[in-house]
Amino acid sequence: MNVDSVIDVVRIGLTLAAKLGGPVLITALVVGLLISIFQSATQIQEVTLSFVPKALAVAIVFVIAGNWMITELIDTTHQLFDMVPTLINGG
């Protein structure tokens, strides 16, 4: 296993993490920003007002994009398993 192979595996892993985490993190960020603007405008400082909408929005993202996320994870796993012989033989 050479350095290029390790870099390829790490690149694949980081790309997958960004693809799968991106929609969830962006949704939580946008909802959190909107809730904080609402809290600033109304001067309501309730902790659950920030947490509950973010949790619901993230759950909705998982329901909508969950199938795509699982498909991406399976495809990447197959790609990595297909790379195993080249990784063992040294490329």
Protein backbone atom coordinates (compact mmCIF):
# COMPACT_ATOMS: atom_id res chain seq x y z
CA MET A 1 0.00 0.00 0.00
CA ASN A 2 1.64 3.20 -1.14
CA VAL A 3 1.04 6.82 -0.23
CA ASP A 4 -1.17 7.50 -3.26
CA SER A 5 -3.51 4.68 -2.28
CA VAL A 6 -3.83 6.02 1.25
CA ILE A 7 -4.53 9.50 -0.07
CA ASP A 8 -7.24 8.10 -2.39
CA VAL A 9 -8.95 6.24 0.46
CA VAL A 10 -8.83 9.30 2.72
CA ARG A 11 -10.13 11.53 -0.09
CA ILE A 12 -13.03 9.14 -0.70
CA GLY A 13 -13.85 9.08 3.01
CA LEU A 14 -13.73 12.85 3.43
CA THR A 15 -15.82 13.38 0.30
CA LEU A 16 -18.43 10.96 1.60
CA ALA A 17 -18.49 12.66 5.00
CA ALA A 18 -19.01 16.05 3.35
CA LYS A 19 -21.77 14.71 1.08
CA LEU A 20 -23.65 13.03 3.92
CA GLY A 21 -23.11 15.67 6.56
CA GLY A 22 -23.61 18.72 4.39
CA PRO A 23 -27.39 18.74 4.05
CA VAL A 24 -27.90 18.06 7.75
CA LEU A 25 -25.42 20.69 8.92
CA ILE A 26 -26.65 23.34 6.48
CA THR A 27 -30.25 22.74 7.55
CA ALA A 28 -29.35 23.01 11.24
CA LEU A 29 -27.36 26.18 10.53
CA VAL A 30 -30.15 27.88 8.59
CA VAL A 31 -32.86 26.93 11.09
CA GLY A 32 -30.65 28.00 14.01
CA LEU A 33 -29.96 31.35 12.34
CA LEU A 34 -33.66 31.96 11.69
CA ILE A 35 -34.57 31.03 15.26
CA SER A 36 -31.85 33.29 16.69
CA ILE A 37 -33.10 36.20 14.57
CA PHE A 38 -36.63 35.50 15.82
CA GLN A 39 -35.41 35.35 19.42
CA SER A 40 -33.51 38.62 19.03
CA ALA A 41 -36.52 40.36 17.53
CA THR A 42 -38.98 39.14 20.15
CA GLN A 43 -36.52 39.02 23.10
CA ILE A 44 -37.68 35.48 23.94
CA GLN A 45 -34.72 33.63 25.43
CA GLU A 46 -36.00 30.07 25.68
CA VAL A 47 -33.50 27.24 25.09
CA THR A 48 -36.07 24.76 23.80
CA LEU A 49 -37.22 27.28 21.21
CA SER A 50 -33.84 26.87 19.57
CA PHE A 51 -33.47 23.10 19.99
CA VAL A 52 -36.87 21.70 19.00
CA PRO A 53 -37.16 23.32 15.54
CA LYS A 54 -33.58 22.31 14.69
CA ALA A 55 -34.27 18.73 15.74
CA LEU A 56 -37.46 18.63 13.67
CA ALA A 57 -35.75 20.14 10.63
CA VAL A 58 -32.88 17.64 10.83
CA ALA A 59 -35.37 14.78 11.18
CA ILE A 60 -37.19 16.01 8.07
CA VAL A 61 -33.90 16.15 6.16
CA PHE A 62 -33.18 12.56 7.17
CA VAL A 63 -36.62 11.49 5.99
CA ILE A 64 -36.26 13.30 2.67
CA ALA A 65 -32.59 12.55 1.94
CA GLY A 66 -32.14 9.31 3.89
CA ASN A 67 -32.53 7.05 0.89
CA TRP A 68 -29.95 9.06 -1.06
CA MET A 69 -27.57 9.00 1.91
CA ILE A 70 -27.79 5.22 2.25
CA THR A 71 -27.30 4.80 -1.51
CA GLU A 72 -24.18 6.99 -1.42
CA LEU A 73 -22.83 5.05 1.54
CA ILE A 74 -23.40 1.69 -0.17
CA ASP A 75 -21.86 2.89 -3.45
CA THR A 76 -18.78 4.19 -1.65
CA THR A 77 -18.46 0.96 0.31
CA HIS A 78 -18.59 -1.04 -2.93
CA GLN A 79 -15.98 1.28 -4.44
CA LEU A 80 -13.67 0.74 -1.46
CA PHE A 81 -14.17 -3.03 -1.53
CA ASP A 82 -13.32 -3.02 -5.24
CA MET A 83 -10.09 -1.20 -4.40
CA VAL A 84 -8.95 -3.83 -1.87
CA PRO A 85 -7.03 -6.06 -4.36
CA THR A 86 -5.08 -3.09 -5.69
CA LEU A 87 -4.37 -1.90 -2.17
CA ILE A 88 -3.06 -5.31 -1.10
CA ASN A 89 -0.93 -5.82 -4.21
CA GLY A 90 0.65 -2.41 -3.89
CA GLY A 91 -1.20 -0.63 -6.69
